[in-house]
Amino acid sequence: MSIIATVVVLLIAALHVYILVLEMFLWTGPKARASFGTSAEFASATKALAANQGLYNGFLAAGLVWGAVASDPVGFQVKVFFLVCVAVAGAYGAATASRKIVFVQTLPALVGLALVLATR
């Protein structure tokens, strides 16, 4: 179970690195615009805001990787903290931006959290 939990945590971290790349570097391109449902004009006008948001996703990814590689009890505590952060961010995003975020971000974080807690 521990290996599965760690793999899930690292997959969620990879997802947030991908989101970082979309928001910080590809925001005005067709891939990011299609992913987030934005127009070229909106993407251009919000480029700085998206880059800032991408940076926060990078911090979530970094925390998840830290938790995955740190020894316990710190690793366990860090994984729990950052998975809860991801779940809360996803719930807020689903409530305010797009309901699909609950499936992309919140649900995986909650599955990861359940797996991490099951390792105790």
N, C-alpha and C. Protein backbone atom coordinates (compact mmCIF):
# COMPACT_ATOMS: atom_id res chain seq x y z
N MET A 1 0.83 -1.21 0.00
CA MET A 1 0.00 0.00 0.00
C MET A 1 0.86 1.26 0.00
N SER A 2 1.98 1.21 0.70
CA SER A 2 2.85 2.38 0.80
C SER A 2 3.39 2.80 -0.56
N ILE A 3 3.77 1.83 -1.38
CA ILE A 3 4.30 2.14 -2.71
C ILE A 3 3.20 2.72 -3.58
N ILE A 4 2.01 2.17 -3.51
CA ILE A 4 0.88 2.69 -4.30
C ILE A 4 0.57 4.12 -3.88
N ALA A 5 0.54 4.39 -2.58
CA ALA A 5 0.27 5.74 -2.09
C ALA A 5 1.32 6.71 -2.59
N THR A 6 2.59 6.31 -2.54
CA THR A 6 3.67 7.19 -3.00
C THR A 6 3.56 7.45 -4.50
N VAL A 7 3.24 6.43 -5.27
CA VAL A 7 3.07 6.60 -6.73
C VAL A 7 1.93 7.57 -7.01
N VAL A 8 0.82 7.44 -6.30
CA VAL A 8 -0.31 8.35 -6.50
C VAL A 8 0.08 9.78 -6.14
N VAL A 9 0.79 9.95 -5.03
CA VAL A 9 1.25 11.29 -4.63
C VAL A 9 2.14 11.88 -5.72
N LEU A 10 3.05 11.09 -6.26
CA LEU A 10 3.94 11.58 -7.31
C LEU A 10 3.19 11.87 -8.61
N LEU A 11 2.16 11.10 -8.91
CA LEU A 11 1.33 11.39 -10.09
C LEU A 11 0.58 12.72 -9.92
N ILE A 12 0.10 12.96 -8.72
CA ILE A 12 -0.58 14.23 -8.46
C ILE A 12 0.41 15.38 -8.55
N ALA A 13 1.63 15.16 -8.07
CA ALA A 13 2.68 16.18 -8.20
C ALA A 13 2.96 16.45 -9.68
N ALA A 14 3.05 15.40 -10.49
CA ALA A 14 3.30 15.56 -11.92
C ALA A 14 2.16 16.34 -12.59
N LEU A 15 0.94 16.07 -12.19
CA LEU A 15 -0.20 16.82 -12.71
C LEU A 15 -0.03 18.31 -12.42
N HIS A 16 0.42 18.64 -11.21
CA HIS A 16 0.57 20.05 -10.86
C HIS A 16 1.77 20.70 -11.56
N VAL A 17 2.78 19.92 -11.89
CA VAL A 17 3.87 20.45 -12.71
C VAL A 17 3.33 20.75 -14.11
N TYR A 18 2.50 19.86 -14.64
CA TYR A 18 1.87 20.08 -15.94
C TYR A 18 1.01 21.34 -15.93
N ILE A 19 0.23 21.52 -14.87
CA ILE A 19 -0.59 22.73 -14.76
C ILE A 19 0.31 23.96 -14.67
N LEU A 20 1.41 23.86 -13.93
CA LEU A 20 2.37 24.97 -13.84
C LEU A 20 2.84 25.35 -15.25
N VAL A 21 3.24 24.37 -16.04
CA VAL A 21 3.73 24.65 -17.39
C VAL A 21 2.64 25.30 -18.24
N LEU A 22 1.42 24.77 -18.16
CA LEU A 22 0.32 25.38 -18.92
C LEU A 22 0.09 26.83 -18.51
N GLU A 23 0.07 27.08 -17.22
CA GLU A 23 -0.29 28.42 -16.74
C GLU A 23 0.86 29.42 -16.83
N MET A 24 2.08 28.96 -16.63
CA MET A 24 3.21 29.90 -16.63
C MET A 24 3.81 30.13 -18.02
N PHE A 25 3.83 29.09 -18.84
CA PHE A 25 4.59 29.18 -20.08
C PHE A 25 3.75 29.02 -21.35
N LEU A 26 2.63 28.35 -21.26
CA LEU A 26 1.83 28.08 -22.46
C LEU A 26 0.45 28.72 -22.42
N TRP A 27 0.23 29.63 -21.49
CA TRP A 27 -1.09 30.19 -21.23
C TRP A 27 -1.78 30.74 -22.48
N THR A 28 -1.05 31.40 -23.34
CA THR A 28 -1.67 32.02 -24.52
C THR A 28 -1.70 31.08 -25.73
N GLY A 29 -1.14 29.90 -25.58
CA GLY A 29 -1.13 28.94 -26.69
C GLY A 29 -2.43 28.15 -26.79
N PRO A 30 -2.59 27.44 -27.88
CA PRO A 30 -3.85 26.72 -28.12
C PRO A 30 -4.12 25.60 -27.11
N LYS A 31 -3.09 24.91 -26.63
CA LYS A 31 -3.28 23.79 -25.69
C LYS A 31 -3.86 24.31 -24.36
N ALA A 32 -3.26 25.36 -23.81
CA ALA A 32 -3.75 25.92 -22.55
C ALA A 32 -5.13 26.55 -22.74
N ARG A 33 -5.32 27.25 -23.85
CA ARG A 33 -6.62 27.88 -24.07
C ARG A 33 -7.71 26.83 -24.19
N ALA A 34 -7.41 25.70 -24.83
CA ALA A 34 -8.40 24.63 -24.94
C ALA A 34 -8.64 23.98 -23.57
N SER A 35 -7.58 23.79 -22.81
CA SER A 35 -7.71 23.16 -21.49
C SER A 35 -8.54 24.00 -20.54
N PHE A 36 -8.35 25.32 -20.61
CA PHE A 36 -9.04 26.21 -19.67
C PHE A 36 -10.23 26.92 -20.28
N GLY A 37 -10.50 26.70 -21.55
CA GLY A 37 -11.67 27.28 -22.21
C GLY A 37 -11.60 28.79 -22.32
N THR A 38 -10.43 29.32 -22.67
CA THR A 38 -10.27 30.77 -22.77
C THR A 38 -10.06 31.19 -24.22
N SER A 39 -10.37 32.44 -24.48
CA SER A 39 -10.13 33.02 -25.80
C SER A 39 -8.70 33.57 -25.83
N ALA A 40 -8.22 33.85 -27.02
CA ALA A 40 -6.89 34.43 -27.17
C ALA A 40 -6.81 35.79 -26.46
N GLU A 41 -7.87 36.56 -26.55
CA GLU A 41 -7.88 37.88 -25.93
C GLU A 41 -7.84 37.76 -24.40
N PHE A 42 -8.65 36.87 -23.85
CA PHE A 42 -8.67 36.67 -22.40
C PHE A 42 -7.31 36.17 -21.92
N ALA A 43 -6.75 35.19 -22.63
CA ALA A 43 -5.45 34.63 -22.24
C ALA A 43 -4.38 35.70 -22.25
N SER A 44 -4.39 36.55 -23.25
CA SER A 44 -3.41 37.62 -23.33
C SER A 44 -3.57 38.61 -22.17
N ALA A 45 -4.81 38.94 -21.86
CA ALA A 45 -5.08 39.91 -20.79
C ALA A 45 -4.78 39.35 -19.40
N THR A 46 -4.80 38.04 -19.23
CA THR A 46 -4.64 37.44 -17.90
C THR A 46 -3.33 36.66 -17.76
N LYS A 47 -2.40 36.88 -18.67
CA LYS A 47 -1.15 36.11 -18.69
C LYS A 47 -0.39 36.20 -17.36
N ALA A 48 -0.28 37.38 -16.79
CA ALA A 48 0.45 37.55 -15.53
C ALA A 48 -0.28 36.85 -14.37
N LEU A 49 -1.59 36.94 -14.36
CA LEU A 49 -2.36 36.26 -13.31
C LEU A 49 -2.22 34.75 -13.41
N ALA A 50 -2.25 34.23 -14.63
CA ALA A 50 -2.11 32.79 -14.83
C ALA A 50 -0.72 32.31 -14.41
N ALA A 51 0.30 33.10 -14.70
CA ALA A 51 1.66 32.73 -14.31
C ALA A 51 1.77 32.67 -12.79
N ASN A 52 1.15 33.59 -12.11
CA ASN A 52 1.16 33.58 -10.65
C ASN A 52 0.44 32.33 -10.12
N GLN A 53 -0.67 32.01 -10.71
CA GLN A 53 -1.42 30.81 -10.34
C GLN A 53 -0.60 29.56 -10.62
N GLY A 54 0.11 29.55 -11.73
CA GLY A 54 0.98 28.42 -12.07
C GLY A 54 2.07 28.22 -11.04
N LEU A 55 2.61 29.32 -10.55
CA LEU A 55 3.65 29.24 -9.52
C LEU A 55 3.12 28.53 -8.27
N TYR A 56 1.90 28.85 -7.88
CA TYR A 56 1.30 28.18 -6.72
C TYR A 56 1.13 26.68 -6.96
N ASN A 57 0.77 26.30 -8.19
CA ASN A 57 0.68 24.88 -8.51
C ASN A 57 2.05 24.22 -8.41
N GLY A 58 3.09 24.96 -8.76
CA GLY A 58 4.44 24.45 -8.59
C GLY A 58 4.79 24.21 -7.14
N PHE A 59 4.34 25.10 -6.26
CA PHE A 59 4.59 24.90 -4.82
C PHE A 59 3.86 23.66 -4.32
N LEU A 60 2.65 23.43 -4.81
CA LEU A 60 1.93 22.20 -4.43
C LEU A 60 2.70 20.97 -4.89
N ALA A 61 3.20 21.00 -6.12
CA ALA A 61 3.98 19.88 -6.65
C ALA A 61 5.23 19.66 -5.82
N ALA A 62 5.92 20.74 -5.50
CA ALA A 62 7.15 20.61 -4.71
C ALA A 62 6.87 20.01 -3.33
N GLY A 63 5.80 20.43 -2.71
CA GLY A 63 5.43 19.88 -1.41
C GLY A 63 5.08 18.41 -1.48
N LEU A 64 4.40 18.01 -2.54
CA LEU A 64 4.04 16.59 -2.70
C LEU A 64 5.29 15.74 -2.93
N VAL A 65 6.22 16.24 -3.72
CA VAL A 65 7.47 15.50 -3.95
C VAL A 65 8.26 15.42 -2.64
N TRP A 66 8.32 16.52 -1.91
CA TRP A 66 9.00 16.52 -0.62
C TRP A 66 8.40 15.44 0.29
N GLY A 67 7.09 15.41 0.38
CA GLY A 67 6.43 14.41 1.21
C GLY A 67 6.71 13.00 0.75
N ALA A 68 6.80 12.80 -0.57
CA ALA A 68 7.04 11.46 -1.11
C ALA A 68 8.45 10.96 -0.82
N VAL A 69 9.41 11.88 -0.73
CA VAL A 69 10.80 11.44 -0.53
C VAL A 69 11.27 11.56 0.91
N ALA A 70 10.58 12.33 1.72
CA ALA A 70 10.99 12.50 3.12
C ALA A 70 10.65 11.26 3.93
N SER A 71 11.49 10.98 4.90
CA SER A 71 11.19 9.83 5.78
C SER A 71 10.12 10.23 6.79
N ASP A 72 9.45 9.24 7.31
CA ASP A 72 8.40 9.49 8.30
C ASP A 72 9.03 9.82 9.65
N PRO A 73 8.38 10.59 10.47
CA PRO A 73 7.00 11.05 10.37
C PRO A 73 6.82 12.28 9.49
N VAL A 74 7.91 12.97 9.13
CA VAL A 74 7.78 14.20 8.35
C VAL A 74 7.13 13.94 7.00
N GLY A 75 7.57 12.88 6.30
CA GLY A 75 7.00 12.58 4.99
C GLY A 75 5.50 12.38 5.05
N PHE A 76 5.04 11.63 6.02
CA PHE A 76 3.61 11.40 6.19
C PHE A 76 2.88 12.72 6.43
N GLN A 77 3.40 13.54 7.32
CA GLN A 77 2.75 14.81 7.67
C GLN A 77 2.72 15.76 6.47
N VAL A 78 3.80 15.82 5.72
CA VAL A 78 3.86 16.70 4.56
C VAL A 78 2.90 16.23 3.47
N LYS A 79 2.85 14.92 3.23
CA LYS A 79 1.92 14.40 2.23
C LYS A 79 0.48 14.74 2.62
N VAL A 80 0.13 14.52 3.87
CA VAL A 80 -1.23 14.83 4.31
C VAL A 80 -1.52 16.32 4.12
N PHE A 81 -0.61 17.16 4.56
CA PHE A 81 -0.83 18.61 4.45
C PHE A 81 -1.04 19.04 3.00
N PHE A 82 -0.12 18.62 2.11
CA PHE A 82 -0.23 19.08 0.73
C PHE A 82 -1.38 18.43 -0.03
N LEU A 83 -1.73 17.21 0.29
CA LEU A 83 -2.92 16.60 -0.34
C LEU A 83 -4.19 17.33 0.09
N VAL A 84 -4.26 17.72 1.35
CA VAL A 84 -5.41 18.52 1.80
C VAL A 84 -5.42 19.87 1.09
N CYS A 85 -4.25 20.49 0.94
CA CYS A 85 -4.18 21.77 0.20
C CYS A 85 -4.68 21.61 -1.23
N VAL A 86 -4.26 20.54 -1.90
CA VAL A 86 -4.70 20.28 -3.27
C VAL A 86 -6.22 20.07 -3.31
N ALA A 87 -6.74 19.29 -2.37
CA ALA A 87 -8.18 19.02 -2.34
C ALA A 87 -8.97 20.30 -2.11
N VAL A 88 -8.52 21.14 -1.20
CA VAL A 88 -9.22 22.41 -0.92
C VAL A 88 -9.13 23.33 -2.13
N ALA A 89 -7.95 23.43 -2.74
CA ALA A 89 -7.80 24.27 -3.93
C ALA A 89 -8.70 23.77 -5.05
N GLY A 90 -8.79 22.46 -5.20
CA GLY A 90 -9.66 21.88 -6.22
C GLY A 90 -11.12 22.15 -5.94
N ALA A 91 -11.52 22.02 -4.69
CA ALA A 91 -12.92 22.29 -4.34
C ALA A 91 -13.26 23.75 -4.60
N TYR A 92 -12.36 24.65 -4.25
CA TYR A 92 -12.59 26.08 -4.49
C TYR A 92 -12.66 26.35 -6.00
N GLY A 93 -11.73 25.76 -6.74
CA GLY A 93 -11.74 25.94 -8.19
C GLY A 93 -13.00 25.39 -8.83
N ALA A 94 -13.46 24.25 -8.33
CA ALA A 94 -14.70 23.67 -8.86
C ALA A 94 -15.90 24.55 -8.56
N ALA A 95 -15.89 25.18 -7.40
CA ALA A 95 -17.02 26.04 -7.02
C ALA A 95 -17.00 27.38 -7.74
N THR A 96 -15.81 27.85 -8.12
CA THR A 96 -15.71 29.20 -8.67
C THR A 96 -15.35 29.26 -10.15
N ALA A 97 -14.71 28.22 -10.68
CA ALA A 97 -14.23 28.31 -12.05
C ALA A 97 -14.86 27.26 -12.96
N SER A 98 -14.64 25.99 -12.66
CA SER A 98 -15.14 24.91 -13.51
C SER A 98 -15.37 23.66 -12.68
N ARG A 99 -16.53 23.09 -12.82
CA ARG A 99 -16.86 21.89 -12.04
C ARG A 99 -15.97 20.70 -12.37
N LYS A 100 -15.37 20.70 -13.55
CA LYS A 100 -14.51 19.57 -13.92
C LYS A 100 -13.26 19.50 -13.04
N ILE A 101 -12.91 20.59 -12.38
CA ILE A 101 -11.74 20.61 -11.50
C ILE A 101 -11.90 19.61 -10.36
N VAL A 102 -13.12 19.36 -9.95
CA VAL A 102 -13.34 18.38 -8.87
C VAL A 102 -12.84 16.99 -9.29
N PHE A 103 -12.94 16.68 -10.58
CA PHE A 103 -12.49 15.37 -11.07
C PHE A 103 -11.00 15.35 -11.38
N VAL A 104 -10.47 16.50 -11.80
CA VAL A 104 -9.07 16.58 -12.17
C VAL A 104 -8.17 16.77 -10.96
N GLN A 105 -8.64 17.49 -9.96
CA GLN A 105 -7.79 17.87 -8.84
C GLN A 105 -8.29 17.34 -7.49
N THR A 106 -9.53 17.59 -7.16
CA THR A 106 -10.03 17.25 -5.83
C THR A 106 -10.10 15.74 -5.62
N LEU A 107 -10.74 15.04 -6.53
CA LEU A 107 -10.91 13.60 -6.38
C LEU A 107 -9.57 12.85 -6.31
N PRO A 108 -8.61 13.14 -7.21
CA PRO A 108 -7.31 12.47 -7.07
C PRO A 108 -6.63 12.77 -5.73
N ALA A 109 -6.74 14.01 -5.26
CA ALA A 109 -6.13 14.36 -3.96
C ALA A 109 -6.78 13.58 -2.82
N LEU A 110 -8.09 13.42 -2.88
CA LEU A 110 -8.78 12.68 -1.82
C LEU A 110 -8.44 11.19 -1.87
N VAL A 111 -8.30 10.65 -3.08
CA VAL A 111 -7.86 9.25 -3.21
C VAL A 111 -6.45 9.10 -2.67
N GLY A 112 -5.57 10.02 -3.04
CA GLY A 112 -4.21 9.98 -2.52
C GLY A 112 -4.18 10.11 -1.01
N LEU A 113 -4.99 10.99 -0.48
CA LEU A 113 -5.06 11.16 0.97
C LEU A 113 -5.54 9.87 1.66
N ALA A 114 -6.56 9.24 1.11
CA ALA A 114 -7.04 7.98 1.68
C ALA A 114 -5.96 6.92 1.65
N LEU A 115 -5.21 6.85 0.55
CA LEU A 115 -4.13 5.87 0.46
C LEU A 115 -3.02 6.16 1.46
N VAL A 116 -2.66 7.42 1.58
CA VAL A 116 -1.60 7.80 2.54
C VAL A 116 -2.06 7.48 3.97
N LEU A 117 -3.30 7.83 4.30
CA LEU A 117 -3.80 7.55 5.64
C LEU A 117 -3.89 6.04 5.91
N ALA A 118 -4.15 5.27 4.86
CA ALA A 118 -4.25 3.82 5.01
C ALA A 118 -2.88 3.17 5.30
N THR A 119 -1.82 3.90 5.01
CA THR A 119 -0.47 3.36 5.28
C THR A 119 -0.10 3.44 6.75
N ARG A 120 -0.86 4.16 7.52
CA ARG A 120 -0.57 4.33 8.97
C ARG A 120 -0.98 3.14 9.74
